[in-house]
Amino acid sequence: MKRMFDIAASFTGLILLSPVLVIVALAVRLGSGSPVLFRQQRIGRDFRPFTIYKFRTMIVDAPSQGGAITCSSDSRVTRIGAILRTLKVDELPQLINVLRGDMSLVGPRPEVPEFVEMFRQDYREILRVRPGITDLASLKYHNEADVLGRFEDPRKAYVVHILPDKIALAKEYVKRSSLGFDIGLILKTLLRLAHAGG
């Protein structure tokens, strides 16, 4: 049932949001050149790696100029990228990941291999389900970049404080997971986005 819901919702979303996707793609292209999409390896269900898609919000060679952690003061974020991040529009291409079966609409946010290996035992439980576009941690840490920006060492703060909390929330999601719970989280996410857009 969950997979059928994901397929129907992601396909419908891609169709309905196609004008927005085109406009954002053009904005990224005109604002900072190509490529329009950012691709990065993440770890999915049963520890299978996959390529996640996002609209590019940072300079082209951002990975070579810094790590996987981004904070609000990160100079690698482009002008249009900052807007996309605030509105969470950069996440829309992940509907393709959902349609492909890499991700679900709702599920623990997929992490990069480095951080999964640090907490591999915890992820054995978490990665029994597909990672998602939104989840409990996404709602709690909707302003994660701002939070990390308050620390002298954002990476250390993420590994020591934020990621363990995200892992606890991911485990909670796995235990409570149901279609009704997912729909509730989707509605809360949409309300949060509406508030950010307002």
Protein backbone atom coordinates (compact mmCIF):
# COMPACT_ATOMS: atom_id res chain seq x y z
CA MET A 1 0.00 0.00 0.00
CA LYS A 2 2.78 2.46 0.94
CA ARG A 3 4.65 1.84 -2.31
CA MET A 4 1.48 2.29 -4.38
CA PHE A 5 0.80 5.55 -2.56
CA ASP A 6 4.38 6.71 -3.22
CA ILE A 7 4.14 5.93 -6.94
CA ALA A 8 0.78 7.64 -7.38
CA ALA A 9 1.72 10.70 -5.31
CA SER A 10 5.19 11.21 -6.83
CA PHE A 11 3.92 10.78 -10.39
CA THR A 12 1.05 13.19 -9.77
CA GLY A 13 3.40 15.62 -8.04
CA LEU A 14 5.86 15.63 -10.94
CA ILE A 15 3.03 16.34 -13.40
CA LEU A 16 1.37 19.08 -11.34
CA LEU A 17 4.66 20.70 -10.34
CA SER A 18 6.26 20.50 -13.79
CA PRO A 19 5.86 24.28 -14.40
CA VAL A 20 7.57 24.98 -11.06
CA LEU A 21 10.33 22.50 -11.86
CA VAL A 22 10.98 24.19 -15.21
CA ILE A 23 11.04 27.68 -13.67
CA VAL A 24 13.41 26.63 -10.88
CA ALA A 25 15.68 24.83 -13.34
CA LEU A 26 15.88 27.98 -15.48
CA ALA A 27 16.55 30.13 -12.39
CA VAL A 28 19.43 27.88 -11.33
CA ARG A 29 20.82 27.79 -14.88
CA LEU A 30 20.67 31.56 -15.30
CA GLY A 31 21.87 32.28 -11.77
CA SER A 32 24.88 29.98 -11.54
CA GLY A 33 25.19 27.98 -14.73
CA SER A 34 25.17 24.22 -15.16
CA PRO A 35 24.54 21.62 -13.93
CA VAL A 36 21.03 22.37 -12.72
CA LEU A 37 20.81 19.21 -10.62
CA PHE A 38 23.02 18.22 -7.70
CA ARG A 39 23.73 14.51 -7.48
CA GLN A 40 25.17 12.79 -4.43
CA GLN A 41 25.48 9.23 -3.19
CA ARG A 42 23.29 8.38 -0.22
CA ILE A 43 22.59 5.08 1.53
CA GLY A 44 19.14 3.58 1.08
CA ARG A 45 17.12 0.63 2.25
CA ASP A 46 19.20 -2.41 3.25
CA PHE A 47 22.37 -0.27 2.88
CA ARG A 48 21.98 -0.01 -0.90
CA PRO A 49 23.65 3.16 -2.24
CA PHE A 50 21.72 5.38 -4.64
CA THR A 51 22.05 8.77 -6.28
CA ILE A 52 19.88 11.48 -4.74
CA TYR A 53 18.70 14.40 -6.87
CA LYS A 54 18.29 18.00 -5.77
CA PHE A 55 18.30 21.36 -7.48
CA ARG A 56 21.84 22.67 -7.13
CA THR A 57 22.00 25.37 -4.46
CA MET A 58 25.78 25.69 -4.13
CA ILE A 59 28.66 26.59 -6.40
CA VAL A 60 29.64 23.90 -8.90
CA ASP A 61 32.80 22.71 -7.13
CA ALA A 62 31.31 22.97 -3.63
CA PRO A 63 32.30 19.41 -2.54
CA SER A 64 35.98 20.19 -3.15
CA GLN A 65 35.75 23.37 -1.08
CA GLY A 66 34.09 21.96 2.02
CA GLY A 67 32.50 18.92 3.62
CA ALA A 68 28.98 17.49 3.60
CA ILE A 69 27.78 19.87 6.31
CA THR A 70 26.20 23.17 5.30
CA CYS A 71 25.40 25.99 7.70
CA SER A 72 23.59 29.29 7.21
CA SER A 73 26.84 31.24 6.77
CA ASP A 74 28.23 28.86 4.13
CA SER A 75 29.73 30.98 1.34
CA ARG A 76 29.28 28.10 -1.12
CA VAL A 77 25.50 28.64 -1.23
CA THR A 78 24.43 30.71 -4.24
CA ARG A 79 21.96 33.59 -4.09
CA ILE A 80 19.17 31.62 -5.76
CA GLY A 81 20.23 28.56 -3.76
CA ALA A 82 19.57 30.34 -0.46
CA ILE A 83 16.00 31.04 -1.58
CA LEU A 84 15.45 27.47 -2.74
CA ARG A 85 16.77 26.12 0.57
CA THR A 86 14.50 28.38 2.61
CA LEU A 87 11.44 27.24 0.64
CA LYS A 88 12.73 23.62 0.44
CA VAL A 89 12.13 23.73 -3.31
CA ASP A 90 15.58 22.22 -3.88
CA GLU A 91 14.16 18.91 -2.62
CA LEU A 92 11.51 18.58 -5.37
CA PRO A 93 13.65 16.47 -7.76
CA GLN A 94 13.60 13.75 -5.10
CA LEU A 95 10.12 12.93 -6.40
CA ILE A 96 12.10 11.19 -9.15
CA ASN A 97 13.89 9.14 -6.47
CA VAL A 98 10.51 8.20 -5.02
CA LEU A 99 9.14 7.16 -8.40
CA ARG A 100 12.25 5.06 -9.04
CA GLY A 101 11.91 3.30 -5.68
CA ASP A 102 15.09 4.71 -4.11
CA MET A 103 13.06 6.70 -1.60
CA SER A 104 9.59 7.12 -0.12
CA LEU A 105 7.66 10.34 0.39
CA VAL A 106 8.00 9.78 4.14
CA GLY A 107 10.88 8.02 5.84
CA PRO A 108 14.18 8.67 7.60
CA ARG A 109 16.24 11.19 5.66
CA PRO A 110 19.00 9.43 3.69
CA GLU A 111 22.53 10.08 4.91
CA VAL A 112 25.88 10.11 3.16
CA PRO A 113 27.98 6.92 3.50
CA GLU A 114 30.45 8.55 5.93
CA PHE A 115 27.83 9.20 8.61
CA VAL A 116 26.03 5.90 8.10
CA GLU A 117 29.29 4.06 8.78
CA MET A 118 29.78 6.03 12.02
CA PHE A 119 26.43 4.76 13.32
CA ARG A 120 26.12 1.54 11.32
CA GLN A 121 24.49 -0.46 14.11
CA ASP A 122 21.74 2.14 14.47
CA TYR A 123 21.19 2.22 10.73
CA ARG A 124 20.65 -1.54 10.65
CA GLU A 125 17.31 -0.79 12.27
CA ILE A 126 16.59 2.44 10.39
CA LEU A 127 17.36 1.15 6.90
CA ARG A 128 14.79 -1.59 7.11
CA VAL A 129 12.58 1.03 5.44
CA ARG A 130 13.13 3.30 2.46
CA PRO A 131 14.52 6.74 3.29
CA GLY A 132 12.16 9.63 2.64
CA ILE A 133 11.80 13.23 1.56
CA THR A 134 10.32 14.20 4.92
CA ASP A 135 10.13 12.71 8.40
CA LEU A 136 10.05 13.63 12.08
CA ALA A 137 13.61 14.97 11.96
CA SER A 138 12.88 17.09 8.87
CA LEU A 139 10.14 18.86 10.78
CA LYS A 140 12.21 19.31 13.95
CA TYR A 141 15.32 20.47 12.10
CA HIS A 142 13.67 22.52 9.36
CA ASN A 143 16.21 25.27 10.20
CA GLU A 144 19.19 22.94 10.59
CA ALA A 145 21.58 25.21 8.69
CA ASP A 146 20.81 28.06 11.09
CA VAL A 147 21.33 25.79 14.11
CA LEU A 148 24.68 24.56 12.80
CA GLY A 149 25.73 28.13 12.06
CA ARG A 150 25.79 28.85 15.80
CA PHE A 151 28.60 26.36 16.39
CA GLU A 152 32.30 26.99 15.93
CA ASP A 153 32.67 23.48 14.46
CA PRO A 154 29.42 22.67 12.56
CA ARG A 155 30.56 19.18 11.55
CA LYS A 156 31.35 18.19 15.13
CA ALA A 157 28.03 19.65 16.30
CA TYR A 158 26.22 17.60 13.67
CA VAL A 159 27.93 14.33 14.57
CA VAL A 160 27.78 14.78 18.36
CA HIS A 161 24.43 16.48 18.85
CA ILE A 162 22.12 16.62 15.82
CA LEU A 163 22.70 13.29 14.07
CA PRO A 164 22.16 11.16 17.22
CA ASP A 165 18.84 12.97 17.76
CA LYS A 166 17.91 12.42 14.11
CA ILE A 167 18.71 8.72 14.53
CA ALA A 168 16.44 8.52 17.59
CA LEU A 169 13.63 10.20 15.63
CA ALA A 170 14.23 7.84 12.69
CA LYS A 171 13.89 4.83 15.00
CA GLU A 172 10.67 6.30 16.37
CA TYR A 173 9.35 6.65 12.82
CA VAL A 174 10.20 3.03 11.98
CA LYS A 175 8.24 1.87 15.05
CA ARG A 176 5.21 4.08 14.33
CA SER A 177 5.22 3.83 10.54
CA SER A 178 1.81 3.52 8.89
CA LEU A 179 0.01 5.13 5.95
CA GLY A 180 -2.01 7.31 8.33
CA PHE A 181 1.12 8.44 10.16
CA ASP A 182 2.79 9.21 6.82
CA ILE A 183 -0.13 11.33 5.64
CA GLY A 184 -0.05 13.25 8.91
CA LEU A 185 3.65 14.01 8.45
CA ILE A 186 3.07 15.09 4.84
CA LEU A 187 0.35 17.51 5.95
CA LYS A 188 2.60 18.92 8.70
CA THR A 189 5.38 19.34 6.15
CA LEU A 190 3.08 21.19 3.73
CA LEU A 191 1.95 23.50 6.53
CA ARG A 192 5.58 24.18 7.43
CA LEU A 193 6.38 24.99 3.79
CA ALA A 194 3.36 27.28 3.54
CA HIS A 195 4.57 29.10 6.65
CA ALA A 196 8.09 29.43 5.18
CA GLY A 197 6.66 30.76 1.92
CA GLY A 198 4.53 33.28 3.78
